[in-house]
Amino acid sequence: MQYLTLIHIDPALLDALPAGEFDRLMRGCFEKADALRDSGCLLGSQQLEDPPVRAPCACATGWRG
């Protein structure tokens, strides 16, 4: 069985972090991801770009934009 996990970082909370704290937290995340990958439990990971402020999306009732 495989799972997909999506992590969203709230820009307002990110801006409220003290200087250097984001880098420290991300280093910890990368270390854990490396350990999971080395053990064969993590198949892949990818950092995504920030989404635009407003983007069109397909909904069951049609396009919204």
Protein backbone atom coordinates (compact mmCIF):
# COMPACT_ATOMS: atom_id res chain seq x y z
CA MET A 1 0.00 0.00 0.00
CA GLN A 2 1.27 3.49 -0.83
CA TYR A 3 0.21 6.87 0.54
CA LEU A 4 0.52 10.42 -0.73
CA THR A 5 1.12 13.22 1.75
CA LEU A 6 0.78 16.89 0.88
CA ILE A 7 2.15 19.49 3.27
CA HIS A 8 0.99 23.11 3.06
CA ILE A 9 2.97 25.88 4.73
CA ASP A 10 0.88 28.89 5.75
CA PRO A 11 2.76 32.00 4.52
CA ALA A 12 1.58 34.05 7.53
CA LEU A 13 2.97 31.49 9.98
CA LEU A 14 6.16 31.24 7.95
CA ASP A 15 6.66 35.01 8.14
CA ALA A 16 6.15 34.89 11.93
CA LEU A 17 9.08 32.47 12.50
CA PRO A 18 12.23 33.89 14.01
CA ALA A 19 15.19 34.29 11.66
CA GLY A 20 16.82 30.94 10.92
CA GLU A 21 14.00 28.85 12.41
CA PHE A 22 12.56 27.82 9.04
CA ASP A 23 15.98 26.61 7.88
CA ARG A 24 16.45 24.63 11.12
CA LEU A 25 13.03 22.99 10.76
CA MET A 26 13.59 22.18 7.09
CA ARG A 27 16.98 20.60 7.84
CA GLY A 28 15.19 18.28 10.28
CA CYS A 29 12.58 17.40 7.66
CA PHE A 30 15.25 16.64 5.05
CA GLU A 31 17.17 14.46 7.52
CA LYS A 32 14.01 12.46 8.30
CA ALA A 33 13.16 12.16 4.60
CA ASP A 34 16.69 10.93 3.85
CA ALA A 35 16.42 8.29 6.58
CA LEU A 36 13.01 7.15 5.29
CA ARG A 37 14.36 7.00 1.72
CA ASP A 38 17.42 5.02 2.85
CA SER A 39 15.17 2.51 4.63
CA GLY A 40 12.99 2.12 1.52
CA CYS A 41 9.90 3.62 3.17
CA LEU A 42 9.94 6.85 1.12
CA LEU A 43 9.76 6.42 -2.63
CA GLY A 44 10.08 10.08 -3.55
CA SER A 45 9.51 13.67 -2.54
CA GLN A 46 9.30 16.99 -4.32
CA GLN A 47 9.05 20.60 -3.24
CA LEU A 48 6.45 22.52 -5.19
CA GLU A 49 6.36 26.16 -6.14
CA ASP A 50 4.02 28.52 -4.32
CA PRO A 51 0.63 28.61 -6.06
CA PRO A 52 -0.52 31.83 -7.69
CA VAL A 53 -2.93 33.93 -5.65
CA ARG A 54 -5.82 32.74 -7.78
CA ALA A 55 -5.83 29.78 -10.13
CA PRO A 56 -8.66 28.22 -12.14
CA CYS A 57 -9.72 24.73 -11.15
CA ALA A 58 -12.03 22.09 -12.55
CA CYS A 59 -14.97 21.36 -10.27
CA ALA A 60 -17.79 18.85 -10.62
CA THR A 61 -20.07 21.69 -11.74
CA GLY A 62 -17.62 23.11 -14.28
CA TRP A 63 -14.68 25.47 -14.42
CA ARG A 64 -14.12 28.16 -11.85
CA GLY A 65 -11.52 30.81 -12.29
